[in-house]
Amino acid sequence: MYQNWRKGSRTTATGADCVEIARDGALTAVRDTKNRAGGLLEFGPREWARFADGAKGGALDGR
């Protein structure tokens, strides 16, 4: 069970485009703060590194 959720560093003051991240052992989970009950994405260490690199590089910006 994931605890200690923290908001992403790019969270806006209005809460738009906001995600939360939590860790449980080697797993990392991501969820939408506007729909916390809507499920989550769960990543192992390798997948998390790829996801984070893609997000930082702009691959998930939808542009």
PDB file of N, CA and C in Angstrom:
ATOM      1  N   MET A   1       0.841  -1.188   0.000  1.00  0.00           N
ATOM      2  CA  MET A   1       0.000   0.000   0.000  1.00  0.00           C
ATOM      3  C   MET A   1       0.878   1.240   0.000  1.00  0.00           C
ATOM      4  N   TYR A   2       0.584   2.132  -0.876  1.00  0.00           N
ATOM      5  CA  TYR A   2       1.381   3.354  -0.986  1.00  0.00           C
ATOM      6  C   TYR A   2       0.944   4.378   0.055  1.00  0.00           C
ATOM      7  N   GLN A   3       1.919   4.980   0.694  1.00  0.00           N
ATOM      8  CA  GLN A   3       1.690   6.037   1.672  1.00  0.00           C
ATOM      9  C   GLN A   3       2.643   7.173   1.357  1.00  0.00           C
ATOM     10  N   ASN A   4       2.472   8.273   2.050  1.00  0.00           N
ATOM     11  CA  ASN A   4       3.368   9.426   1.897  1.00  0.00           C
ATOM     12  C   ASN A   4       3.452   9.915   0.454  1.00  0.00           C
ATOM     13  N   TRP A   5       2.307  10.149  -0.151  1.00  0.00           N
ATOM     14  CA  TRP A   5       2.257  10.702  -1.500  1.00  0.00           C
ATOM     15  C   TRP A   5       2.802  12.119  -1.475  1.00  0.00           C
ATOM     16  N   ARG A   6       3.558  12.483  -2.495  1.00  0.00           N
ATOM     17  CA  ARG A   6       4.061  13.863  -2.602  1.00  0.00           C
ATOM     18  C   ARG A   6       3.763  14.388  -3.994  1.00  0.00           C
ATOM     19  N   LYS A   7       3.506  15.685  -4.058  1.00  0.00           N
ATOM     20  CA  LYS A   7       3.161  16.304  -5.340  1.00  0.00           C
ATOM     21  C   LYS A   7       4.398  16.479  -6.203  1.00  0.00           C
ATOM     22  N   GLY A   8       4.195  16.401  -7.509  1.00  0.00           N
ATOM     23  CA  GLY A   8       5.276  16.614  -8.458  1.00  0.00           C
ATOM     24  C   GLY A   8       5.826  18.024  -8.359  1.00  0.00           C
ATOM     25  N   SER A   9       7.079  18.193  -8.689  1.00  0.00           N
ATOM     26  CA  SER A   9       7.750  19.493  -8.553  1.00  0.00           C
ATOM     27  C   SER A   9       7.209  20.545  -9.511  1.00  0.00           C
ATOM     28  N   ARG A  10       6.503  20.137 -10.543  1.00  0.00           N
ATOM     29  CA  ARG A  10       5.959  21.105 -11.506  1.00  0.00           C
ATOM     30  C   ARG A  10       4.485  21.413 -11.270  1.00  0.00           C
ATOM     31  N   THR A  11       4.009  21.120 -10.089  1.00  0.00           N
ATOM     32  CA  THR A  11       2.624  21.409  -9.741  1.00  0.00           C
ATOM     33  C   THR A  11       2.395  22.912  -9.774  1.00  0.00           C
ATOM     34  N   THR A  12       1.291  23.317 -10.389  1.00  0.00           N
ATOM     35  CA  THR A  12       0.974  24.743 -10.458  1.00  0.00           C
ATOM     36  C   THR A  12       0.183  25.168  -9.227  1.00  0.00           C
ATOM     37  N   ALA A  13       0.122  26.466  -8.993  1.00  0.00           N
ATOM     38  CA  ALA A  13      -0.599  27.001  -7.835  1.00  0.00           C
ATOM     39  C   ALA A  13      -2.084  26.662  -7.886  1.00  0.00           C
ATOM     40  N   THR A  14      -2.638  26.536  -9.082  1.00  0.00           N
ATOM     41  CA  THR A  14      -4.062  26.221  -9.226  1.00  0.00           C
ATOM     42  C   THR A  14      -4.335  24.726  -9.122  1.00  0.00           C
ATOM     43  N   GLY A  15      -3.294  23.920  -9.089  1.00  0.00           N
ATOM     44  CA  GLY A  15      -3.458  22.477  -9.006  1.00  0.00           C
ATOM     45  C   GLY A  15      -3.636  21.805 -10.348  1.00  0.00           C
ATOM     46  N   ALA A  16      -3.565  22.571 -11.419  1.00  0.00           N
ATOM     47  CA  ALA A  16      -3.698  21.996 -12.758  1.00  0.00           C
ATOM     48  C   ALA A  16      -2.466  21.156 -13.093  1.00  0.00           C
ATOM     49  N   ASP A  17      -2.670  20.136 -13.887  1.00  0.00           N
ATOM     50  CA  ASP A  17      -1.566  19.274 -14.331  1.00  0.00           C
ATOM     51  C   ASP A  17      -0.755  18.739 -13.159  1.00  0.00           C
ATOM     52  N   CYS A  18      -1.441  18.291 -12.130  1.00  0.00           N
ATOM     53  CA  CYS A  18      -0.754  17.866 -10.918  1.00  0.00           C
ATOM     54  C   CYS A  18      -0.790  16.351 -10.760  1.00  0.00           C
ATOM     55  N   VAL A  19       0.349  15.778 -10.465  1.00  0.00           N
ATOM     56  CA  VAL A  19       0.434  14.362 -10.146  1.00  0.00           C
ATOM     57  C   VAL A  19       1.100  14.205  -8.786  1.00  0.00           C
ATOM     58  N   GLU A  20       0.863  13.050  -8.180  1.00  0.00           N
ATOM     59  CA  GLU A  20       1.514  12.698  -6.927  1.00  0.00           C
ATOM     60  C   GLU A  20       2.305  11.421  -7.146  1.00  0.00           C
ATOM     61  N   ILE A  21       3.377  11.298  -6.396  1.00  0.00           N
ATOM     62  CA  ILE A  21       4.275  10.157  -6.518  1.00  0.00           C
ATOM     63  C   ILE A  21       4.477   9.553  -5.135  1.00  0.00           C
ATOM     64  N   ALA A  22       4.498   8.221  -5.069  1.00  0.00           N
ATOM     65  CA  ALA A  22       4.783   7.523  -3.818  1.00  0.00           C
ATOM     66  C   ALA A  22       5.646   6.311  -4.127  1.00  0.00           C
ATOM     67  N   ARG A  23       6.419   5.891  -3.132  1.00  0.00           N
ATOM     68  CA  ARG A  23       7.267   4.710  -3.295  1.00  0.00           C
ATOM     69  C   ARG A  23       6.906   3.675  -2.245  1.00  0.00           C
ATOM     70  N   ASP A  24       7.052   2.431  -2.629  1.00  0.00           N
ATOM     71  CA  ASP A  24       6.857   1.307  -1.722  1.00  0.00           C
ATOM     72  C   ASP A  24       7.890   0.260  -2.106  1.00  0.00           C
ATOM     73  N   GLY A  25       8.967   0.226  -1.356  1.00  0.00           N
ATOM     74  CA  GLY A  25      10.064  -0.662  -1.716  1.00  0.00           C
ATOM     75  C   GLY A  25      10.669  -0.227  -3.034  1.00  0.00           C
ATOM     76  N   ALA A  26      10.774  -1.148  -3.980  1.00  0.00           N
ATOM     77  CA  ALA A  26      11.363  -0.830  -5.281  1.00  0.00           C
ATOM     78  C   ALA A  26      10.351  -0.242  -6.259  1.00  0.00           C
ATOM     79  N   LEU A  27       9.074  -0.227  -5.898  1.00  0.00           N
ATOM     80  CA  LEU A  27       8.040   0.258  -6.811  1.00  0.00           C
ATOM     81  C   LEU A  27       7.751   1.738  -6.606  1.00  0.00           C
ATOM     82  N   THR A  28       7.414   2.413  -7.705  1.00  0.00           N
ATOM     83  CA  THR A  28       7.016   3.821  -7.678  1.00  0.00           C
ATOM     84  C   THR A  28       5.650   3.921  -8.332  1.00  0.00           C
ATOM     85  N   ALA A  29       4.754   4.676  -7.693  1.00  0.00           N
ATOM     86  CA  ALA A  29       3.403   4.865  -8.221  1.00  0.00           C
ATOM     87  C   ALA A  29       3.162   6.337  -8.509  1.00  0.00           C
ATOM     88  N   VAL A  30       2.347   6.604  -9.535  1.00  0.00           N
ATOM     89  CA  VAL A  30       1.980   7.963  -9.927  1.00  0.00           C
ATOM     90  C   VAL A  30       0.459   8.003 -10.051  1.00  0.00           C
ATOM     91  N   ARG A  31      -0.153   9.072  -9.525  1.00  0.00           N
ATOM     92  CA  ARG A  31      -1.603   9.244  -9.657  1.00  0.00           C
ATOM     93  C   ARG A  31      -1.938  10.711  -9.897  1.00  0.00           C
ATOM     94  N   ASP A  32      -3.128  10.947 -10.402  1.00  0.00           N
ATOM     95  CA  ASP A  32      -3.638  12.288 -10.673  1.00  0.00           C
ATOM     96  C   ASP A  32      -4.280  12.833  -9.403  1.00  0.00           C
ATOM     97  N   THR A  33      -3.885  14.020  -8.965  1.00  0.00           N
ATOM     98  CA  THR A  33      -4.445  14.578  -7.735  1.00  0.00           C
ATOM     99  C   THR A  33      -5.911  14.952  -7.880  1.00  0.00           C
ATOM    100  N   LYS A  34      -6.373  15.184  -9.099  1.00  0.00           N
ATOM    101  CA  LYS A  34      -7.775  15.541  -9.310  1.00  0.00           C
ATOM    102  C   LYS A  34      -8.685  14.318  -9.296  1.00  0.00           C
ATOM    103  N   ASN A  35      -8.100  13.126  -9.365  1.00  0.00           N
ATOM    104  CA  ASN A  35      -8.884  11.893  -9.378  1.00  0.00           C
ATOM    105  C   ASN A  35      -8.088  10.791  -8.684  1.00  0.00           C
ATOM    106  N   ARG A  36      -7.879  10.957  -7.403  1.00  0.00           N
ATOM    107  CA  ARG A  36      -7.052  10.007  -6.648  1.00  0.00           C
ATOM    108  C   ARG A  36      -7.624   8.593  -6.653  1.00  0.00           C
ATOM    109  N   ALA A  37      -8.929   8.469  -6.727  1.00  0.00           N
ATOM    110  CA  ALA A  37      -9.560   7.152  -6.740  1.00  0.00           C
ATOM    111  C   ALA A  37      -9.574   6.542  -8.137  1.00  0.00           C
ATOM    112  N   GLY A  38      -9.092   7.274  -9.124  1.00  0.00           N
ATOM    113  CA  GLY A  38      -9.141   6.832 -10.509  1.00  0.00           C
ATOM    114  C   GLY A  38      -8.054   5.856 -10.909  1.00  0.00           C
ATOM    115  N   GLY A  39      -7.277   5.402  -9.978  1.00  0.00           N
ATOM    116  CA  GLY A  39      -6.223   4.458 -10.288  1.00  0.00           C
ATOM    117  C   GLY A  39      -4.855   5.107 -10.291  1.00  0.00           C
ATOM    118  N   LEU A  40      -3.857   4.314 -10.576  1.00  0.00           N
ATOM    119  CA  LEU A  40      -2.486   4.803 -10.573  1.00  0.00           C
ATOM    120  C   LEU A  40      -1.658   4.035 -11.583  1.00  0.00           C
ATOM    121  N   LEU A  41      -0.522   4.585 -11.896  1.00  0.00           N
ATOM    122  CA  LEU A  41       0.468   3.891 -12.721  1.00  0.00           C
ATOM    123  C   LEU A  41       1.552   3.403 -11.778  1.00  0.00           C
ATOM    124  N   GLU A  42       1.977   2.167 -11.955  1.00  0.00           N
ATOM    125  CA  GLU A  42       2.982   1.582 -11.075  1.00  0.00           C
ATOM    126  C   GLU A  42       4.182   1.144 -11.911  1.00  0.00           C
ATOM    127  N   PHE A  43       5.367   1.488 -11.443  1.00  0.00           N
ATOM    128  CA  PHE A  43       6.596   1.229 -12.183  1.00  0.00           C
ATOM    129  C   PHE A  43       7.620   0.506 -11.324  1.00  0.00           C
ATOM    130  N   GLY A  44       8.326  -0.442 -11.934  1.00  0.00           N
ATOM    131  CA  GLY A  44       9.513  -1.012 -11.324  1.00  0.00           C
ATOM    132  C   GLY A  44      10.674  -0.044 -11.541  1.00  0.00           C
ATOM    133  N   PRO A  45      11.842  -0.320 -10.970  1.00  0.00           N
ATOM    134  CA  PRO A  45      12.972   0.618 -11.063  1.00  0.00           C
ATOM    135  C   PRO A  45      13.372   0.977 -12.493  1.00  0.00           C
ATOM    136  N   ARG A  46      13.470   0.007 -13.366  1.00  0.00           N
ATOM    137  CA  ARG A  46      13.884   0.266 -14.748  1.00  0.00           C
ATOM    138  C   ARG A  46      12.835   1.079 -15.499  1.00  0.00           C
ATOM    139  N   GLU A  47      11.575   0.678 -15.328  1.00  0.00           N
ATOM    140  CA  GLU A  47      10.486   1.387 -16.001  1.00  0.00           C
ATOM    141  C   GLU A  47      10.353   2.816 -15.475  1.00  0.00           C
ATOM    142  N   TRP A  48      10.536   3.002 -14.154  1.00  0.00           N
ATOM    143  CA  TRP A  48      10.452   4.343 -13.572  1.00  0.00           C
ATOM    144  C   TRP A  48      11.540   5.249 -14.143  1.00  0.00           C
ATOM    145  N   ALA A  49      12.744   4.729 -14.281  1.00  0.00           N
ATOM    146  CA  ALA A  49      13.844   5.527 -14.839  1.00  0.00           C
ATOM    147  C   ALA A  49      13.507   5.968 -16.260  1.00  0.00           C
ATOM    148  N   ARG A  50      12.953   5.064 -17.053  1.00  0.00           N
ATOM    149  CA  ARG A  50      12.575   5.414 -18.431  1.00  0.00           C
ATOM    150  C   ARG A  50      11.439   6.430 -18.458  1.00  0.00           C
ATOM    151  N   PHE A  51      10.437   6.225 -17.613  1.00  0.00           N
ATOM    152  CA  PHE A  51       9.306   7.151 -17.544  1.00  0.00           C
ATOM    153  C   PHE A  51       9.778   8.539 -17.113  1.00  0.00           C
ATOM    154  N   ALA A  52      10.571   8.607 -16.062  1.00  0.00           N
ATOM    155  CA  ALA A  52      11.062   9.895 -15.553  1.00  0.00           C
ATOM    156  C   ALA A  52      11.932  10.599 -16.592  1.00  0.00           C
ATOM    157  N   ASP A  53      12.805   9.863 -17.256  1.00  0.00           N
ATOM    158  CA  ASP A  53      13.642  10.464 -18.302  1.00  0.00           C
ATOM    159  C   ASP A  53      12.780  11.019 -19.437  1.00  0.00           C
ATOM    160  N   GLY A  54      11.758  10.272 -19.830  1.00  0.00           N
ATOM    161  CA  GLY A  54      10.859  10.741 -20.885  1.00  0.00           C
ATOM    162  C   GLY A  54      10.103  11.992 -20.474  1.00  0.00           C
ATOM    163  N   ALA A  55       9.631  12.010 -19.233  1.00  0.00           N
ATOM    164  CA  ALA A  55       8.903  13.183 -18.737  1.00  0.00           C
ATOM    165  C   ALA A  55       9.816  14.402 -18.668  1.00  0.00           C
ATOM    166  N   LYS A  56      11.010  14.215 -18.166  1.00  0.00           N
ATOM    167  CA  LYS A  56      11.962  15.330 -18.067  1.00  0.00           C
ATOM    168  C   LYS A  56      12.373  15.837 -19.444  1.00  0.00           C
ATOM    169  N   GLY A  57      12.433  14.942 -20.413  1.00  0.00           N
ATOM    170  CA  GLY A  57      12.840  15.313 -21.764  1.00  0.00           C
ATOM    171  C   GLY A  57      11.716  15.877 -22.622  1.00  0.00           C
ATOM    172  N   GLY A  58      10.497  15.932 -22.078  1.00  0.00           N
ATOM    173  CA  GLY A  58       9.378  16.511 -22.811  1.00  0.00           C
ATOM    174  C   GLY A  58       8.572  15.526 -23.635  1.00  0.00           C
ATOM    175  N   ALA A  59       8.903  14.243 -23.563  1.00  0.00           N
ATOM    176  CA  ALA A  59       8.206  13.252 -24.377  1.00  0.00           C
ATOM    177  C   ALA A  59       6.733  13.097 -23.998  1.00  0.00           C
ATOM    178  N   LEU A  60       6.342  13.551 -22.815  1.00  0.00           N
ATOM    179  CA  LEU A  60       4.964  13.390 -22.357  1.00  0.00           C
ATOM    180  C   LEU A  60       4.191  14.702 -22.326  1.00  0.00           C
ATOM    181  N   ASP A  61       4.727  15.729 -22.947  1.00  0.00           N
ATOM    182  CA  ASP A  61       4.095  17.049 -22.922  1.00  0.00           C
ATOM    183  C   ASP A  61       2.880  17.151 -23.835  1.00  0.00           C
ATOM    184  N   GLY A  62       2.684  16.193 -24.710  1.00  0.00           N
ATOM    185  CA  GLY A  62       1.549  16.224 -25.619  1.00  0.00           C
ATOM    186  C   GLY A  62       1.666  17.273 -26.709  1.00  0.00           C
ATOM    187  N   ARG A  63       2.871  17.671 -27.000  1.00  0.00           N
ATOM    188  CA  ARG A  63       3.086  18.692 -28.035  1.00  0.00           C
ATOM    189  C   ARG A  63       3.637  18.079 -29.289  1.00  0.00           C
TER     190      ARG A  63
END
